[in-house]
Protein backbone atom coordinates (compact mmCIF):
# COMPACT_ATOMS: atom_id res chain seq x y z
CA UNK A 1 0.02 -0.03 -0.03
CA UNK A 2 1.23 3.49 -0.88
CA UNK A 3 0.77 6.18 1.60
CA UNK A 4 2.25 9.74 1.78
CA UNK A 5 1.72 12.80 3.95
CA UNK A 6 2.36 16.40 2.98
CA UNK A 7 2.33 19.57 5.19
CA UNK A 8 2.10 23.27 4.54
CA UNK A 9 1.61 26.11 6.89
CA UNK A 10 3.32 28.05 9.58
CA UNK A 11 3.88 27.43 13.29
CA UNK A 12 5.69 30.72 14.05
CA UNK A 13 4.17 33.42 16.16
CA UNK A 14 4.01 35.99 13.53
CA UNK A 15 0.54 35.06 12.69
CA UNK A 16 -2.42 35.30 14.95
CA UNK A 17 -3.65 31.76 14.36
CA UNK A 18 -0.73 29.57 13.12
CA UNK A 19 -1.89 26.31 11.70
CA UNK A 20 -0.65 23.23 9.90
CA UNK A 21 -2.37 21.73 6.89
CA UNK A 22 -1.75 18.04 6.56
CA UNK A 23 -2.93 16.02 3.51
CA UNK A 24 -2.66 12.20 3.67
CA UNK A 25 -2.62 10.40 0.33
CA UNK A 26 -3.39 6.66 0.16
CA UNK A 27 -3.81 4.27 -2.74
CA UNK A 28 -7.48 3.59 -1.81
CA UNK A 29 -9.77 4.59 0.99
CA UNK A 30 -10.45 1.87 3.50
CA UNK A 31 -13.40 2.13 5.91
CA UNK A 32 -14.93 5.56 5.44
CA UNK A 33 -13.06 8.72 4.85
CA UNK A 34 -14.51 10.20 8.00
CA UNK A 35 -13.32 7.26 10.16
CA UNK A 36 -9.83 7.44 8.69
CA UNK A 37 -9.65 11.15 9.34
CA UNK A 38 -10.81 10.62 12.96
CA UNK A 39 -8.11 8.06 13.54
CA UNK A 40 -5.55 10.50 12.01
CA UNK A 41 -6.71 13.34 14.21
CA UNK A 42 -6.51 11.19 17.34
CA UNK A 43 -2.90 10.23 16.38
CA UNK A 44 -1.92 13.92 15.97
CA UNK A 45 -3.78 15.18 19.04
CA UNK A 46 -0.51 15.57 21.05
CA UNK A 47 0.70 18.38 18.69
CA UNK A 48 0.17 21.67 20.41
CA UNK A 49 -1.05 23.61 17.36
CA UNK A 50 -3.98 24.03 15.21
CA UNK A 51 -4.04 21.66 12.33
CA UNK A 52 -6.29 20.60 9.44
CA UNK A 53 -6.13 17.04 8.23
CA UNK A 54 -7.46 16.05 4.83
CA UNK A 55 -7.50 12.58 3.29
CA UNK A 56 -7.32 11.78 -0.46
CA UNK A 57 -6.94 8.75 -2.65
CA UNK A 58 -3.87 8.97 -4.88
CA UNK A 59 -6.21 9.39 -7.95
CA UNK A 60 -8.12 12.29 -6.25
CA UNK A 61 -4.78 13.97 -5.15
CA UNK A 62 -3.21 13.72 -8.50
CA UNK A 63 -6.21 15.26 -10.25
CA UNK A 64 -6.46 18.17 -7.78
CA UNK A 65 -2.74 18.77 -7.77
CA UNK A 66 -3.04 19.90 -11.39
CA UNK A 67 -5.55 22.62 -10.52
CA UNK A 68 -3.66 25.70 -9.44
CA UNK A 69 -6.65 26.81 -7.21
CA UNK A 70 -6.42 23.87 -4.90
CA UNK A 71 -4.43 23.17 -1.68
CA UNK A 72 -3.20 20.05 -3.26
CA UNK A 73 -1.46 22.04 -5.91
CA UNK A 74 -0.04 24.50 -3.42
CA UNK A 75 1.15 21.78 -1.11
CA UNK A 76 2.78 20.04 -4.02
CA UNK A 77 4.73 23.05 -4.97
CA UNK A 78 5.32 24.77 -1.64
CA UNK A 79 4.75 22.10 1.08
CA UNK A 80 6.94 19.31 2.31
CA UNK A 81 6.47 15.57 2.14
CA UNK A 82 6.68 14.47 5.70
CA UNK A 83 6.06 10.82 5.29
CA UNK A 84 6.22 8.15 2.49
CA UNK A 85 5.60 4.54 2.43
CA UNK A 86 5.93 2.53 -0.87
């Protein structure tokens, strides 16, 4: 199973509400998207900052990454890959 996580955002104090946008990309969704996101949020609950977690299948992510108006595009070009599993 292929999985990857990307992050974009700021955690410095120069913004009133720093947050981190995390996108998780998997080959295919297992269970429901909501259930997978809940598990991910619980796993990240210890991080002392505001965070948004979004989950996409690889196909969804690849399609959205081509659209310059989406976070997937921005995260692909300006974010960091923080996890990868082949």
